[in-house]
């Protein structure tokens, strides 16, 4: 999941994405009691209607256009993919598992060729069979300009993907996707990619029957391969009504429980209204959840004081880091000692408080999130302690030629997101003042902030940033930010430090060849530690997600993949 402010379609970031998010959004329960607090499987029964109360509409409900992690939350009820996320609590939920396929993929030719075999007996909502050709077609239509919005990896990884225009313009299709028979699909990549099984969780791998494709209108009634089908889609996803797909078979789907008979998604609601309705749990709201609205600091304080409400809070972590970014092409940040000084001066306690307190944010000294699947390797190259090391910062500034201190400008967003917002910027400003650094704040509206910080031509020297995971691995976390070949000169650039280090690039390539994801994770962690020495970023904190659910909602599962309640698992009374 990329930056959730940019990509609210995911995360959750995360977004995830970002961007996590309507699709993901883009993680494990803090206290590991999520399932027990929801009642567990023993209380899970079929029937009833689950209500979903959200702020953001589930727009672009077309598998080609969604940018999701692990298949998304609401989308995953309708769209099945070759692989998916493991629907388990905590760390176990960060694993990739088979979905439509019999396994997570069989690599060959140094992980440049991936072969999948579909399970037998897979059908759509009308009872017609799902074939490998449908998956090929579903992927190809995601290349059409009018259906853009999905993850960019297929265009980058598939041979011929960079120039392909989609099936509406190019009837021939992509030669790099082969379907030798109805149950087999083979992908030919232009470079080794050991994490292809993660990519195969994206909704672009959803089968789409060519005869039923209605182009940009397909989102109104996409043909279901999952346990639910769309019976109503109003105002571009503001209201979605899902009912059972009677042709879905649990015997082919080990991941989705599909307990409720109906799922009613209502969006466009104010976050405070959502939390109030979940708190009160009156009428249909007793069987309601949210997939995109967190508890804020004030709401959390109220909930914490109420034992009954506190028992209805799901806690999770999504792979996501909030940090300070430096542009070393802008003085004085071209001097490593200045960047190091700022790293030492940061008061993470005050930053965490500005983000809502320790219940909603955890201090970070590593760029990678502190989860095993990312390869988390503890390090603190510039130990600032809990409240900053002003003395060490002043010492480094003196060595850098600024014995009388210096004045810098910190760019941030004006969005009240407790991430890149004025509260965080002010906490940084106060901490650096103790080290003799005067910080002027430049607040920008959301779109202006994104445009300015992600352009090579306008990127400021010192700004707040964040990044969420497209899947739970170090690859989609480190490569976009630190791979020199991903510096984008005429578009959205995320390599803010303009790092183009051959040894880093080579190590990224070497890790990408690994199909042993545990071994790859260790290497990502080691690479994170190596890059961290250059002080191109200052990790600040990882968010914690706290979300209420209705009193009649059972079987709460929160994984380290999404960080939020998985609605494919819940049951209602």
Protein backbone atom coordinates (compact mmCIF):
# COMPACT_ATOMS: atom_id res chain seq x y z
CA UNK A 1 0.00 0.00 0.00
CA UNK A 2 1.57 3.38 -0.79
CA UNK A 3 0.87 6.62 0.98
CA UNK A 4 -2.72 6.40 2.27
CA UNK A 5 -3.32 10.13 1.96
CA UNK A 6 -2.75 9.66 -1.74
CA UNK A 7 -4.34 6.30 -2.06
CA UNK A 8 -7.37 6.18 0.18
CA UNK A 9 -8.51 3.28 -1.95
CA UNK A 10 -6.36 1.00 0.23
CA UNK A 11 -5.03 1.15 3.35
CA UNK A 12 -3.97 1.55 5.72
CA UNK A 13 -2.87 1.91 5.54
CA UNK A 14 -2.26 0.70 5.94
CA UNK A 15 -3.90 1.45 3.17
CA UNK A 16 -3.77 -0.43 2.77
CA UNK A 17 -3.75 1.70 -0.02
CA UNK A 18 -1.74 3.50 -0.03
CA UNK A 19 -3.92 3.55 0.29
CA UNK A 20 -4.35 0.36 2.18
CA UNK A 21 -8.17 2.43 2.59
CA UNK A 22 -11.14 1.20 0.76
CA UNK A 23 -9.30 -1.85 -0.47
CA UNK A 24 -6.89 -2.69 2.27
CA UNK A 25 -6.22 -0.57 4.24
CA UNK A 26 -3.75 -1.39 3.24
CA UNK A 27 -2.20 -6.23 11.04
CA UNK A 28 -2.14 -8.00 14.27
CA UNK A 29 -4.06 -7.40 17.44
CA UNK A 30 -1.99 -5.62 20.06
CA UNK A 31 -3.21 -7.89 22.84
CA UNK A 32 -3.88 -10.99 20.73
CA UNK A 33 -7.41 -11.32 22.11
CA UNK A 34 -9.33 -10.17 19.08
CA UNK A 35 -11.04 -13.46 18.35
CA UNK A 36 -11.96 -14.21 21.95
CA UNK A 37 -13.39 -10.74 22.45
CA UNK A 38 -15.67 -11.29 19.50
CA UNK A 39 -16.95 -14.59 20.75
CA UNK A 40 -14.93 -16.99 18.61
CA UNK A 41 -16.17 -19.64 16.21
CA UNK A 42 -18.36 -21.26 18.87
CA UNK A 43 -20.76 -18.31 18.63
CA UNK A 44 -20.55 -17.85 14.87
CA UNK A 45 -23.70 -18.86 13.05
CA UNK A 46 -25.06 -18.26 9.56
CA UNK A 47 -27.77 -15.70 8.94
CA UNK A 48 -28.63 -12.06 9.48
CA UNK A 49 -27.47 -8.83 7.87
CA UNK A 50 -24.08 -7.27 8.54
CA UNK A 51 -23.99 -3.47 8.22
CA UNK A 52 -20.78 -1.70 7.23
CA UNK A 53 -20.58 1.99 8.19
CA UNK A 54 -17.80 3.83 6.34
CA UNK A 55 -16.55 7.31 5.63
CA UNK A 56 -15.22 6.64 2.14
CA UNK A 57 -17.40 5.13 -0.59
CA UNK A 58 -16.31 1.84 -2.15
CA UNK A 59 -15.87 3.61 -5.49
CA UNK A 60 -14.58 2.04 -8.70
CA UNK A 61 -15.92 -1.38 -7.69
CA UNK A 62 -14.25 -3.02 -10.65
CA UNK A 63 -11.43 -5.52 -9.96
CA UNK A 64 -9.28 -3.84 -12.61
CA UNK A 65 -9.46 -0.44 -10.93
CA UNK A 66 -9.07 -1.34 -7.26
CA UNK A 67 -5.73 -0.98 -5.50
CA UNK A 68 -6.02 -3.42 -2.65
CA UNK A 69 -3.79 -5.44 -0.38
CA UNK A 70 -4.57 -9.13 -0.03
CA UNK A 71 -7.72 -8.74 -2.12
CA UNK A 72 -9.22 -5.99 -0.01
CA UNK A 73 -11.95 -6.18 2.61
CA UNK A 74 -15.33 -5.57 0.97
CA UNK A 75 -13.96 -6.44 -2.52
CA UNK A 76 -12.73 -9.81 -1.26
CA UNK A 77 -16.34 -10.83 -0.60
CA UNK A 78 -17.11 -10.63 -4.32
CA UNK A 79 -13.75 -11.09 -6.02
CA UNK A 80 -11.60 -14.17 -5.58
CA UNK A 81 -8.02 -14.16 -6.82
CA UNK A 82 -5.28 -16.72 -7.50
CA UNK A 83 -3.93 -16.28 -3.98
CA UNK A 84 -5.15 -14.36 -0.95
CA UNK A 85 -4.19 -13.40 2.59
CA UNK A 86 -4.46 -15.98 5.36
CA UNK A 87 -7.54 -15.08 7.39
CA UNK A 88 -6.00 -15.53 10.84
CA UNK A 89 -5.25 -13.30 13.79
CA UNK A 90 -1.89 -11.64 14.19
CA UNK A 91 1.32 -12.71 12.48
CA UNK A 92 -0.21 -15.84 10.95
CA UNK A 93 -2.45 -13.54 8.93
CA UNK A 94 0.52 -12.05 7.07
CA UNK A 95 0.99 -15.27 5.10
CA UNK A 96 -0.12 -15.68 1.50
CA UNK A 97 -2.29 -18.75 0.81
CA UNK A 98 -4.06 -20.29 -2.22
CA UNK A 99 -7.47 -19.00 -3.26
CA UNK A 100 -8.64 -19.93 -6.77
CA UNK A 101 -5.35 -21.77 -7.29
CA UNK A 102 -4.30 -25.06 -5.74
CA UNK A 103 -1.10 -23.54 -4.36
CA UNK A 104 0.69 -20.19 -4.13
CA UNK A 105 2.44 -20.72 -7.46
CA UNK A 106 5.26 -22.80 -8.88
CA UNK A 107 8.33 -20.78 -9.91
CA UNK A 108 10.80 -21.79 -12.60
CA UNK A 109 13.59 -20.22 -14.63
CA UNK A 110 14.94 -18.29 -11.65
CA UNK A 111 11.49 -17.02 -10.60
CA UNK A 112 10.82 -15.42 -13.99
CA UNK A 113 8.09 -17.95 -14.80
CA UNK A 114 5.18 -18.67 -12.45
CA UNK A 115 2.63 -21.42 -13.06
CA UNK A 116 -0.75 -21.84 -11.37
CA UNK A 117 -3.38 -24.57 -11.54
CA UNK A 118 -6.98 -23.70 -10.73
CA UNK A 119 -9.08 -25.75 -8.36
CA UNK A 120 -11.75 -27.89 -9.97
CA UNK A 121 -15.40 -26.95 -9.66
CA UNK A 122 -15.00 -23.14 -9.49
CA UNK A 123 -18.07 -21.25 -10.74
CA UNK A 124 -19.44 -17.72 -11.11
CA UNK A 125 -22.68 -16.46 -9.61
CA UNK A 126 -24.60 -17.78 -12.64
CA UNK A 127 -23.14 -21.27 -12.28
CA UNK A 128 -20.84 -21.03 -15.30
CA UNK A 129 -17.28 -22.35 -14.86
CA UNK A 130 -14.32 -20.11 -14.03
CA UNK A 131 -11.42 -20.73 -16.42
CA UNK A 132 -7.80 -19.68 -16.67
CA UNK A 133 -8.72 -17.64 -19.77
CA UNK A 134 -11.04 -15.55 -17.59
CA UNK A 135 -8.18 -14.72 -15.23
CA UNK A 136 -5.96 -13.80 -18.19
CA UNK A 137 -8.70 -11.55 -19.57
CA UNK A 138 -9.32 -9.98 -16.15
CA UNK A 139 -5.64 -9.05 -15.91
CA UNK A 140 -5.48 -7.75 -19.48
CA UNK A 141 -8.44 -5.41 -19.04
CA UNK A 142 -6.63 -3.79 -16.09
CA UNK A 143 -4.17 -2.39 -18.67
CA UNK A 144 -6.93 -0.39 -20.41
CA UNK A 145 -6.59 3.35 -19.80
CA UNK A 146 -10.27 3.70 -18.97
CA UNK A 147 -9.90 1.09 -16.20
CA UNK A 148 -6.71 2.44 -14.62
CA UNK A 149 -6.15 2.70 -10.89
CA UNK A 150 -4.87 -0.72 -9.90
CA UNK A 151 -1.39 -1.67 -8.71
CA UNK A 152 1.38 -0.92 -11.27
CA UNK A 153 3.36 -4.13 -10.78
CA UNK A 154 1.88 -6.13 -13.65
CA UNK A 155 2.83 -3.41 -16.11
CA UNK A 156 6.36 -3.42 -14.70
CA UNK A 157 6.83 -7.17 -14.30
CA UNK A 158 5.13 -8.89 -17.24
CA UNK A 159 7.02 -9.17 -20.51
CA UNK A 160 5.39 -6.71 -22.90
CA UNK A 161 3.40 -5.12 -20.09
CA UNK A 162 4.94 -1.66 -20.44
CA UNK A 163 3.51 -1.19 -23.95
CA UNK A 164 0.25 -3.15 -23.71
CA UNK A 165 -2.92 -1.06 -24.07
CA UNK A 166 -5.54 -3.58 -22.90
CA UNK A 167 -7.95 -5.88 -24.78
CA UNK A 168 -10.25 -3.13 -26.08
CA UNK A 169 -7.44 -1.78 -28.26
CA UNK A 170 -5.28 -4.89 -28.60
CA UNK A 171 -7.45 -7.95 -29.22
CA UNK A 172 -4.39 -10.19 -29.40
CA UNK A 173 -3.72 -9.97 -25.67
CA UNK A 174 -0.51 -10.43 -23.71
CA UNK A 175 1.74 -13.24 -24.92
CA UNK A 176 3.41 -13.29 -21.51
CA UNK A 177 0.27 -14.82 -19.99
CA UNK A 178 -0.37 -18.33 -21.32
CA UNK A 179 -3.40 -20.54 -20.73
CA UNK A 180 -2.53 -23.98 -22.14
CA UNK A 181 -5.80 -25.39 -20.76
CA UNK A 182 -8.82 -24.27 -18.72
CA UNK A 183 -7.12 -24.91 -15.40
CA UNK A 184 -3.57 -23.70 -16.08
CA UNK A 185 -2.18 -20.18 -16.31
CA UNK A 186 1.50 -19.28 -16.79
CA UNK A 187 3.12 -15.88 -16.29
CA UNK A 188 6.40 -14.85 -17.96
CA UNK A 189 8.21 -12.02 -16.18
CA UNK A 190 11.00 -9.79 -17.44
CA UNK A 191 12.96 -10.21 -14.18
CA UNK A 192 13.01 -12.56 -11.19
CA UNK A 193 10.21 -11.84 -8.70
CA UNK A 194 10.08 -14.19 -5.76
CA UNK A 195 7.15 -12.29 -4.27
CA UNK A 196 4.81 -12.94 -7.20
CA UNK A 197 2.46 -14.93 -4.90
CA UNK A 198 1.84 -11.69 -2.96
CA UNK A 199 1.02 -9.83 -6.16
CA UNK A 200 -1.46 -12.55 -7.13
CA UNK A 201 -3.63 -11.43 -4.18
CA UNK A 202 -4.43 -8.14 -5.96
CA UNK A 203 -7.93 -7.86 -7.44
CA UNK A 204 -6.50 -7.61 -10.96
CA UNK A 205 -6.17 -11.41 -10.73
CA UNK A 206 -9.97 -11.75 -10.43
CA UNK A 207 -11.54 -13.78 -13.25
CA UNK A 208 -13.77 -11.77 -15.58
CA UNK A 209 -15.87 -13.56 -18.24
CA UNK A 210 -15.23 -11.71 -21.50
CA UNK A 211 -18.84 -12.08 -22.66
CA UNK A 212 -20.07 -10.29 -19.52
CA UNK A 213 -17.56 -7.41 -19.64
CA UNK A 214 -19.38 -4.08 -19.93
CA UNK A 215 -16.27 -1.89 -19.72
CA UNK A 216 -16.59 1.11 -17.41
CA UNK A 217 -20.11 -0.03 -16.43
CA UNK A 218 -18.86 -3.39 -15.17
CA UNK A 219 -18.53 -2.01 -11.63
CA UNK A 220 -22.32 -1.74 -11.39
CA UNK A 221 -22.65 -5.52 -11.50
CA UNK A 222 -19.32 -7.32 -11.60
CA UNK A 223 -19.75 -11.07 -11.97
CA UNK A 224 -19.07 -12.62 -8.60
CA UNK A 225 -16.56 -15.39 -7.98
CA UNK A 226 -16.81 -14.99 -4.20
CA UNK A 227 -19.43 -15.80 -1.56
CA UNK A 228 -21.48 -12.64 -2.23
CA UNK A 229 -22.84 -10.93 -5.32
CA UNK A 230 -23.68 -7.27 -5.91
CA UNK A 231 -27.41 -6.60 -6.03
CA UNK A 232 -27.22 -2.84 -5.62
CA UNK A 233 -24.51 -0.22 -6.24
CA UNK A 234 -25.69 3.36 -5.69
CA UNK A 235 -23.79 6.63 -6.19
CA UNK A 236 -20.49 5.03 -7.20
CA UNK A 237 -20.17 2.75 -4.21
CA UNK A 238 -21.77 5.00 -1.61
CA UNK A 239 -24.18 2.17 -0.95
CA UNK A 240 -23.44 -1.45 -1.80
CA UNK A 241 -25.85 -4.26 -1.05
CA UNK A 242 -24.43 -7.76 -1.24
CA UNK A 243 -26.37 -11.02 -1.05
CA UNK A 244 -25.28 -14.63 -1.07
CA UNK A 245 -23.84 -16.10 -4.26
CA UNK A 246 -25.61 -19.46 -4.18
CA UNK A 247 -23.08 -20.93 -6.62
CA UNK A 248 -20.13 -20.24 -4.30
CA UNK A 249 -18.91 -23.37 -2.57
CA UNK A 250 -17.09 -23.37 0.75
CA UNK A 251 -15.41 -26.61 -0.36
CA UNK A 252 -13.27 -24.56 -2.78
CA UNK A 253 -12.72 -21.63 -0.38
CA UNK A 254 -10.97 -22.27 2.92
CA UNK A 255 -10.59 -18.56 3.73
CA UNK A 256 -14.00 -16.86 3.65
CA UNK A 257 -16.57 -17.89 6.27
CA UNK A 258 -19.52 -16.02 4.73
CA UNK A 259 -21.75 -16.18 7.80
CA UNK A 260 -24.20 -13.26 7.16
CA UNK A 261 -26.94 -13.63 4.54
CA UNK A 262 -26.58 -10.00 3.45
CA UNK A 263 -23.97 -7.27 3.76
CA UNK A 264 -25.15 -3.67 3.57
CA UNK A 265 -22.34 -1.14 3.00
CA UNK A 266 -23.24 2.51 3.63
CA UNK A 267 -20.62 5.22 3.11
CA UNK A 268 -20.25 8.98 3.12
CA UNK A 269 -20.74 9.12 6.88
CA UNK A 270 -18.88 11.42 9.27
CA UNK A 271 -16.34 9.51 11.35
CA UNK A 272 -17.81 10.78 14.63
CA UNK A 273 -21.26 9.61 13.53
CA UNK A 274 -19.90 6.17 12.69
CA UNK A 275 -18.27 5.78 16.08
CA UNK A 276 -21.36 7.07 17.88
CA UNK A 277 -23.60 4.60 16.06
CA UNK A 278 -21.24 1.69 16.75
CA UNK A 279 -20.99 2.76 20.38
CA UNK A 280 -24.76 2.94 20.86
CA UNK A 281 -25.38 -0.28 18.87
CA UNK A 282 -29.08 0.43 18.47
CA UNK A 283 -31.21 -1.55 16.01
CA UNK A 284 -29.28 -2.60 12.87
CA UNK A 285 -26.16 -0.86 14.24
CA UNK A 286 -25.78 -3.67 16.78
CA UNK A 287 -24.72 -5.83 13.83
CA UNK A 288 -22.43 -3.20 12.28
CA UNK A 289 -18.71 -2.73 11.69
CA UNK A 290 -16.49 -0.19 9.95
CA UNK A 291 -13.63 -0.94 7.57
CA UNK A 292 -12.17 2.58 7.39
CA UNK A 293 -12.85 4.58 10.57
CA UNK A 294 -10.55 4.59 13.60
CA UNK A 295 -11.23 5.81 17.09
CA UNK A 296 -9.64 9.19 17.71
CA UNK A 297 -7.84 10.19 20.92
CA UNK A 298 -10.93 11.74 22.56
CA UNK A 299 -13.19 8.85 21.56
CA UNK A 300 -10.65 6.31 22.75
CA UNK A 301 -10.48 7.98 26.16
CA UNK A 302 -14.25 7.63 26.50
CA UNK A 303 -14.24 4.03 25.34
CA UNK A 304 -11.39 3.05 27.66
CA UNK A 305 -13.47 4.13 30.65
CA UNK A 306 -16.39 1.91 29.68
CA UNK A 307 -15.78 -1.80 30.18
CA UNK A 308 -18.51 -2.89 27.78
CA UNK A 309 -17.33 -0.57 25.00
CA UNK A 310 -13.69 -1.50 25.59
CA UNK A 311 -14.61 -5.14 24.98
CA UNK A 312 -15.82 -4.13 21.51
CA UNK A 313 -12.61 -2.55 20.26
CA UNK A 314 -10.49 -4.39 17.72
CA UNK A 315 -6.79 -3.52 17.83
CA UNK A 316 -4.46 -4.06 14.92
CA UNK A 317 -1.27 -3.04 13.15
CA UNK A 318 -0.83 -2.43 9.44
CA UNK A 319 2.62 -2.28 7.83
CA UNK A 320 3.00 1.49 7.85
CA UNK A 321 5.59 4.06 8.89
CA UNK A 322 5.34 7.80 9.48
CA UNK A 323 8.65 9.58 9.02
CA UNK A 324 10.59 12.71 8.19
CA UNK A 325 11.99 12.80 4.66
CA UNK A 326 15.07 14.74 3.58
CA UNK A 327 15.97 15.98 0.12
CA UNK A 328 19.81 15.92 0.15
CA UNK A 329 19.89 18.15 -2.93
CA UNK A 330 18.61 21.02 -0.81
CA UNK A 331 20.94 22.76 1.64
CA UNK A 332 21.63 22.23 4.49
CA UNK A 333 20.31 18.68 4.15
CA UNK A 334 23.08 17.82 1.70
CA UNK A 335 25.27 17.59 4.81
CA UNK A 336 24.83 14.14 6.47
CA UNK A 337 25.71 15.62 9.87
CA UNK A 338 22.74 17.98 9.68
CA UNK A 339 20.45 15.03 8.94
CA UNK A 340 22.03 13.09 11.79
CA UNK A 341 21.61 16.04 14.14
CA UNK A 342 17.91 16.19 13.41
CA UNK A 343 17.68 12.43 13.93
CA UNK A 344 19.21 12.80 17.39
CA UNK A 345 17.07 15.80 18.28
CA UNK A 346 13.68 14.16 17.65
CA UNK A 347 11.47 13.74 20.70
CA UNK A 348 9.46 10.64 19.84
CA UNK A 349 7.42 10.85 23.03
CA UNK A 350 5.98 14.20 22.00
CA UNK A 351 5.44 12.97 18.43
CA UNK A 352 3.56 9.92 19.70
CA UNK A 353 1.43 12.16 21.92
CA UNK A 354 0.70 14.39 18.92
CA UNK A 355 -0.41 11.29 17.01
CA UNK A 356 -2.97 10.46 19.67
CA UNK A 357 -0.93 8.80 22.39
CA UNK A 358 0.70 5.45 22.93
CA UNK A 359 -2.57 3.57 22.31
CA UNK A 360 -2.66 4.87 18.74
CA UNK A 361 1.03 5.15 17.84
CA UNK A 362 4.25 3.28 18.59
CA UNK A 363 7.66 5.02 18.37
CA UNK A 364 9.82 3.91 15.43
CA UNK A 365 13.58 3.90 14.93
CA UNK A 366 13.54 1.60 11.88
CA UNK A 367 12.05 2.37 8.50
CA UNK A 368 10.52 -1.11 8.15
CA UNK A 369 7.49 -1.77 10.36
CA UNK A 370 8.13 -3.83 13.46
CA UNK A 371 6.63 -7.07 12.16
CA UNK A 372 8.40 -10.29 11.28
CA UNK A 373 6.97 -10.58 7.76
CA UNK A 374 8.71 -7.34 6.77
CA UNK A 375 12.04 -8.63 8.07
CA UNK A 376 12.03 -6.22 10.99
CA UNK A 377 15.58 -5.89 12.31
CA UNK A 378 15.91 -3.62 15.35
CA UNK A 379 18.36 -0.75 15.05
CA UNK A 380 18.73 2.80 16.31
CA UNK A 381 21.64 4.47 14.54
CA UNK A 382 21.01 7.85 16.14
CA UNK A 383 19.69 7.07 19.63
CA UNK A 384 17.64 9.99 20.84
CA UNK A 385 16.06 8.27 23.81
CA UNK A 386 12.43 8.94 24.59
CA UNK A 387 12.70 12.73 24.49
CA UNK A 388 15.58 13.53 22.14
CA UNK A 389 19.31 14.06 22.57
CA UNK A 390 19.74 17.80 22.10
CA UNK A 391 23.36 17.80 23.27
CA UNK A 392 24.45 15.29 20.64
CA UNK A 393 22.48 17.19 18.00
CA UNK A 394 24.26 20.46 18.88
CA UNK A 395 27.62 18.70 18.72
CA UNK A 396 26.91 17.46 15.19
CA UNK A 397 25.63 20.84 14.07
CA UNK A 398 28.86 22.42 15.25
CA UNK A 399 30.86 19.86 13.25
CA UNK A 400 28.67 20.68 10.24
CA UNK A 401 29.56 24.37 10.55
CA UNK A 402 26.43 25.56 12.36
CA UNK A 403 27.74 26.25 15.86
CA UNK A 404 25.11 28.96 16.32
CA UNK A 405 22.29 26.71 15.11
CA UNK A 406 20.30 27.05 11.89
CA UNK A 407 16.84 27.77 10.53
CA UNK A 408 14.96 25.31 8.30
CA UNK A 409 11.45 24.93 6.88
CA UNK A 410 9.35 21.82 7.52
CA UNK A 411 6.60 21.11 4.98
CA UNK A 412 3.51 19.28 6.19
CA UNK A 413 -0.11 18.68 5.27
CA UNK A 414 -2.97 20.65 6.79
CA UNK A 415 -5.11 17.49 6.86
CA UNK A 416 -6.18 16.55 10.38
CA UNK A 417 -4.85 13.02 10.03
CA UNK A 418 -2.48 12.87 13.04
CA UNK A 419 0.24 11.75 10.60
CA UNK A 420 1.61 14.51 8.41
CA UNK A 421 -0.57 17.12 10.05
CA UNK A 422 0.14 20.32 12.04
CA UNK A 423 0.16 18.45 15.37
CA UNK A 424 3.10 16.27 14.29
CA UNK A 425 4.90 19.20 12.66
CA UNK A 426 4.62 21.24 15.86
CA UNK A 427 6.03 18.37 17.94
CA UNK A 428 9.04 18.22 15.62
CA UNK A 429 9.42 21.98 15.74
CA UNK A 430 9.46 22.02 19.56
CA UNK A 431 12.01 19.19 19.80
CA UNK A 432 14.44 20.73 17.31
CA UNK A 433 14.26 24.09 19.06
CA UNK A 434 16.02 22.51 22.06
CA UNK A 435 18.93 21.62 19.76
CA UNK A 436 19.24 25.14 18.38
CA UNK A 437 17.31 24.47 15.19
CA UNK A 438 14.58 26.95 14.39
CA UNK A 439 11.84 25.28 12.35
CA UNK A 440 9.45 27.31 10.23
CA UNK A 441 6.28 25.38 9.33
CA UNK A 442 4.84 25.32 5.83
CA UNK A 443 1.37 23.80 5.85
CA UNK A 444 -0.23 22.86 2.53
CA UNK A 445 -3.65 21.56 1.58
CA UNK A 446 -3.71 17.84 0.84
CA UNK A 447 -3.43 17.96 -2.97
CA UNK A 448 -0.81 20.71 -2.93
CA UNK A 449 1.18 18.79 -0.32
CA UNK A 450 1.17 15.64 -2.45
CA UNK A 451 2.04 17.50 -5.63
CA UNK A 452 4.91 19.39 -4.02
CA UNK A 453 6.50 16.51 -2.08
CA UNK A 454 6.26 13.97 -4.89
CA UNK A 455 7.75 16.05 -7.68
CA UNK A 456 11.46 15.95 -8.42
CA UNK A 457 11.26 19.61 -9.42
CA UNK A 458 9.49 20.93 -6.32
CA UNK A 459 10.35 18.50 -3.52
CA UNK A 460 11.24 20.45 -0.37
CA UNK A 461 14.33 19.69 1.68
CA UNK A 462 12.50 18.71 4.86
CA UNK A 463 8.96 17.30 5.06
CA UNK A 464 6.66 14.83 6.77
CA UNK A 465 5.85 11.64 4.89
CA UNK A 466 4.42 8.17 5.33
CA UNK A 467 4.38 4.85 3.52
CA UNK A 468 2.12 1.81 3.68
CA UNK A 469 2.67 -1.72 2.45
CA UNK A 470 1.23 -3.17 -0.75
CA UNK A 471 1.74 -6.52 0.94
CA UNK A 472 3.52 -7.59 4.16
CA UNK A 473 7.10 -7.69 2.93
CA UNK A 474 10.11 -5.41 2.87
CA UNK A 475 10.12 -5.30 -0.95
CA UNK A 476 7.22 -2.92 -1.64
CA UNK A 477 8.38 -0.90 1.35
CA UNK A 478 12.05 -0.33 0.54
CA UNK A 479 12.21 -0.48 -3.27
CA UNK A 480 9.92 2.50 -4.10
CA UNK A 481 11.72 4.69 -1.55
CA UNK A 482 15.37 3.65 -1.98
CA UNK A 483 15.83 1.95 -5.37
CA UNK A 484 17.56 4.51 -7.60
CA UNK A 485 15.98 3.04 -10.72
CA UNK A 486 12.56 3.99 -9.36
CA UNK A 487 13.31 7.71 -9.28
CA UNK A 488 10.54 9.24 -11.40
CA UNK A 489 11.49 12.50 -13.09
CA UNK A 490 8.16 13.28 -14.73
CA UNK A 491 5.58 11.87 -12.34
CA UNK A 492 4.99 10.90 -8.73
CA UNK A 493 8.39 10.20 -7.22
CA UNK A 494 8.70 8.54 -3.80
CA UNK A 495 12.49 8.17 -3.62
CA UNK A 496 12.69 11.45 -1.74
CA UNK A 497 16.38 11.01 -0.84
CA UNK A 498 17.29 10.36 -4.49
CA UNK A 499 19.33 7.38 -3.37
CA UNK A 500 20.87 5.58 -6.34
CA UNK A 501 23.40 3.28 -4.72
CA UNK A 502 24.50 0.35 -6.87
CA UNK A 503 25.02 -1.89 -3.86
CA UNK A 504 21.48 -1.17 -2.67
CA UNK A 505 20.01 -1.69 -6.14
CA UNK A 506 21.93 -4.95 -6.54
CA UNK A 507 20.76 -6.25 -3.17
CA UNK A 508 17.15 -5.46 -4.08
CA UNK A 509 17.58 -7.51 -7.26
CA UNK A 510 19.21 -10.36 -5.33
CA UNK A 511 16.39 -10.50 -2.77
CA UNK A 512 13.76 -10.41 -5.49
CA UNK A 513 15.16 -13.69 -6.83
CA UNK A 514 14.42 -15.47 -3.56
CA UNK A 515 11.30 -17.60 -3.41
CA UNK A 516 11.90 -18.47 0.24
CA UNK A 517 9.98 -15.54 1.71
CA UNK A 518 11.38 -16.05 5.23
CA UNK A 519 14.92 -15.80 3.90
CA UNK A 520 13.93 -12.77 1.83
CA UNK A 521 12.51 -11.09 4.94
CA UNK A 522 15.85 -11.41 6.75
CA UNK A 523 17.63 -9.80 3.83
CA UNK A 524 15.11 -6.93 3.67
CA UNK A 525 15.73 -6.27 7.35
CA UNK A 526 19.49 -6.19 6.88
CA UNK A 527 19.12 -3.83 3.93
CA UNK A 528 16.89 -1.52 5.96
CA UNK A 529 19.59 -1.34 8.64
CA UNK A 530 22.26 -0.55 6.04
CA UNK A 531 20.23 2.20 4.37
CA UNK A 532 19.32 3.68 7.75
CA UNK A 533 22.94 4.66 8.35
CA UNK A 534 22.62 7.35 5.67
CA UNK A 535 19.93 9.25 7.63
CA UNK A 536 17.81 9.90 4.56
CA UNK A 537 14.71 9.54 6.71
CA UNK A 538 13.86 9.85 10.39
CA UNK A 539 11.33 7.14 11.34
CA UNK A 540 8.84 8.61 13.80
CA UNK A 541 6.08 6.13 14.59
CA UNK A 542 3.94 3.22 13.42
CA UNK A 543 0.17 3.71 13.82
CA UNK A 544 -2.07 1.41 15.85
CA UNK A 545 -5.64 0.88 14.66
CA UNK A 546 -8.50 0.91 17.17
CA UNK A 547 -11.95 0.28 15.75
CA UNK A 548 -15.31 -0.29 17.38
CA UNK A 549 -17.77 -2.93 16.27
CA UNK A 550 -21.42 -3.55 17.15
CA UNK A 551 -22.46 -5.57 20.19
CA UNK A 552 -23.92 -8.40 18.09
CA UNK A 553 -20.84 -8.90 15.90
CA UNK A 554 -18.97 -12.14 16.56
CA UNK A 555 -15.79 -13.90 15.44
CA UNK A 556 -13.42 -10.95 15.21
CA UNK A 557 -10.27 -11.67 13.20
CA UNK A 558 -7.58 -9.01 12.77
CA UNK A 559 -4.43 -9.97 10.90
CA UNK A 560 -1.00 -8.43 10.52
CA UNK A 561 -1.77 -8.05 6.80
CA UNK A 562 -4.58 -5.50 7.06
CA UNK A 563 -4.63 -4.38 10.68
CA UNK A 564 -8.41 -4.18 10.65
CA UNK A 565 -11.38 -6.44 11.22
CA UNK A 566 -11.82 -8.98 8.40
CA UNK A 567 -15.48 -8.91 7.40
CA UNK A 568 -15.16 -12.23 5.58
CA UNK A 569 -14.93 -13.85 9.02
CA UNK A 570 -17.57 -12.10 11.12
CA UNK A 571 -20.95 -13.39 12.12
CA UNK A 572 -23.96 -11.54 13.54
CA UNK A 573 -26.60 -12.69 16.01
